[in-house]
Amino acid sequence: MIRAMQRTRVLLFASVVAAAMVFGGVLGATVLARSTYTPASAAVAATSPSPSPKSNEATAHETGESAAQETAENNGTFRPGGPGSGPSNETAAHEAGESAAREAAEKT
């Protein structure tokens, strides 16, 4: 009698687990089918830049440019101003409170 009750409990538990898995699978498939999911590989392919970046070829731009800079522009490695480039802080108010060592460090 005890063995039959244990078997019934095990079968009942297994049935509940199987039903929950089926329900979860159906629910997941429904949600996935209604979503606007885009795979990451498709998004990367759609937004990837052109394989060969183009430099600024305007005549006014080209006259003040070295051959090395033109090459860097053409292969996509040109970084204008280098790291931390931004507007210069050479205002009189800034310079008044600055030591000679600090000014030299800013120039390098």
Protein backbone atom coordinates (compact mmCIF):
# COMPACT_ATOMS: atom_id res chain seq x y z
CA MET A 1 0.00 0.00 0.00
CA ILE A 2 2.79 2.43 0.91
CA ARG A 3 4.66 1.57 -2.26
CA ALA A 4 1.57 2.28 -4.38
CA MET A 5 1.11 5.68 -2.67
CA GLN A 6 4.74 6.62 -3.31
CA ARG A 7 4.46 5.63 -6.95
CA THR A 8 1.28 7.71 -7.30
CA ARG A 9 2.98 10.72 -5.72
CA VAL A 10 6.01 10.36 -7.99
CA LEU A 11 3.81 10.08 -11.10
CA LEU A 12 1.72 13.06 -10.00
CA PHE A 13 4.82 15.15 -9.36
CA ALA A 14 6.36 14.13 -12.71
CA SER A 15 3.10 15.03 -14.48
CA VAL A 16 3.03 18.47 -12.86
CA VAL A 17 6.66 19.11 -13.87
CA ALA A 18 6.02 17.96 -17.44
CA ALA A 19 2.89 20.13 -17.71
CA ALA A 20 4.80 23.14 -16.40
CA MET A 21 7.56 22.59 -18.96
CA VAL A 22 5.07 22.32 -21.82
CA PHE A 23 3.25 25.45 -20.64
CA GLY A 24 6.55 27.35 -20.34
CA GLY A 25 7.61 26.26 -23.81
CA VAL A 26 4.33 27.36 -25.39
CA LEU A 27 4.39 30.66 -23.49
CA GLY A 28 8.02 31.32 -24.48
CA ALA A 29 7.35 30.53 -28.14
CA THR A 30 4.36 32.86 -28.15
CA VAL A 31 6.30 35.73 -26.59
CA LEU A 32 9.25 35.20 -28.93
CA ALA A 33 6.99 35.08 -31.99
CA ARG A 34 5.38 38.41 -31.06
CA SER A 35 8.62 40.22 -30.18
CA THR A 36 10.65 42.42 -32.51
CA TYR A 37 13.88 40.64 -31.66
CA THR A 38 16.80 41.35 -34.00
CA PRO A 39 19.86 39.11 -33.71
CA ALA A 40 23.05 40.95 -32.77
CA SER A 41 24.82 39.76 -35.91
CA ALA A 42 22.15 41.34 -38.12
CA ALA A 43 22.33 44.63 -36.23
CA VAL A 44 26.11 44.75 -36.59
CA ALA A 45 25.94 43.98 -40.29
CA ALA A 46 23.35 46.70 -40.85
CA THR A 47 25.33 49.40 -39.04
CA SER A 48 28.89 48.48 -39.98
CA PRO A 49 30.84 51.36 -41.49
CA SER A 50 32.12 51.35 -45.03
CA PRO A 51 35.32 49.33 -45.38
CA SER A 52 37.42 52.25 -46.61
CA PRO A 53 36.95 55.56 -44.81
CA LYS A 54 37.32 58.62 -47.00
CA SER A 55 39.30 61.68 -46.02
CA ASN A 56 38.25 65.27 -46.54
CA GLU A 57 39.30 65.84 -50.14
CA ALA A 58 38.40 69.53 -50.37
CA THR A 59 41.18 71.62 -51.95
CA ALA A 60 41.27 74.06 -49.02
CA HIS A 61 41.75 71.15 -46.62
CA GLU A 62 44.38 69.37 -48.68
CA THR A 63 46.73 72.37 -49.01
CA GLY A 64 47.69 72.37 -45.32
CA GLU A 65 48.01 68.61 -44.95
CA SER A 66 51.10 66.40 -44.84
CA ALA A 67 51.39 63.13 -46.76
CA ALA A 68 51.38 61.21 -43.45
CA GLN A 69 48.15 62.88 -42.39
CA GLU A 70 46.52 62.09 -45.74
CA THR A 71 47.57 58.46 -45.46
CA ALA A 72 46.18 58.28 -41.91
CA GLU A 73 42.90 59.79 -43.10
CA ASN A 74 42.64 57.31 -45.94
CA ASN A 75 43.24 54.24 -43.77
CA GLY A 76 41.02 55.46 -40.93
CA THR A 77 43.67 55.95 -38.24
CA PHE A 78 43.81 59.76 -38.21
CA ARG A 79 42.87 61.26 -34.82
CA PRO A 80 42.83 65.05 -35.05
CA GLY A 81 44.51 66.70 -32.09
CA GLY A 82 45.46 63.43 -30.41
CA PRO A 83 44.22 62.28 -27.01
CA GLY A 84 42.45 64.86 -24.91
CA SER A 85 42.18 67.29 -27.76
CA GLY A 86 39.75 70.05 -27.20
CA PRO A 87 39.61 73.78 -27.17
CA SER A 88 42.69 75.48 -25.79
CA ASN A 89 42.42 77.12 -22.40
CA GLU A 90 44.66 80.07 -23.14
CA THR A 91 42.44 82.77 -21.68
CA ALA A 92 44.05 85.52 -19.62
CA ALA A 93 42.13 84.47 -16.50
CA HIS A 94 43.46 80.93 -16.79
CA GLU A 95 47.02 81.94 -17.56
CA ALA A 96 47.22 84.40 -14.62
CA GLY A 97 47.05 81.63 -12.01
CA GLU A 98 49.29 79.17 -13.79
CA SER A 99 52.91 78.34 -13.03
CA ALA A 100 55.59 78.14 -15.71
CA ALA A 101 55.87 74.36 -15.14
CA ARG A 102 52.14 73.91 -15.68
CA GLU A 103 52.23 75.99 -18.85
CA ALA A 104 55.13 73.88 -20.16
CA ALA A 105 53.19 70.70 -19.36
CA GLU A 106 50.19 71.99 -21.32
CA LYS A 107 52.35 72.74 -24.34
CA THR A 108 53.70 69.17 -24.57
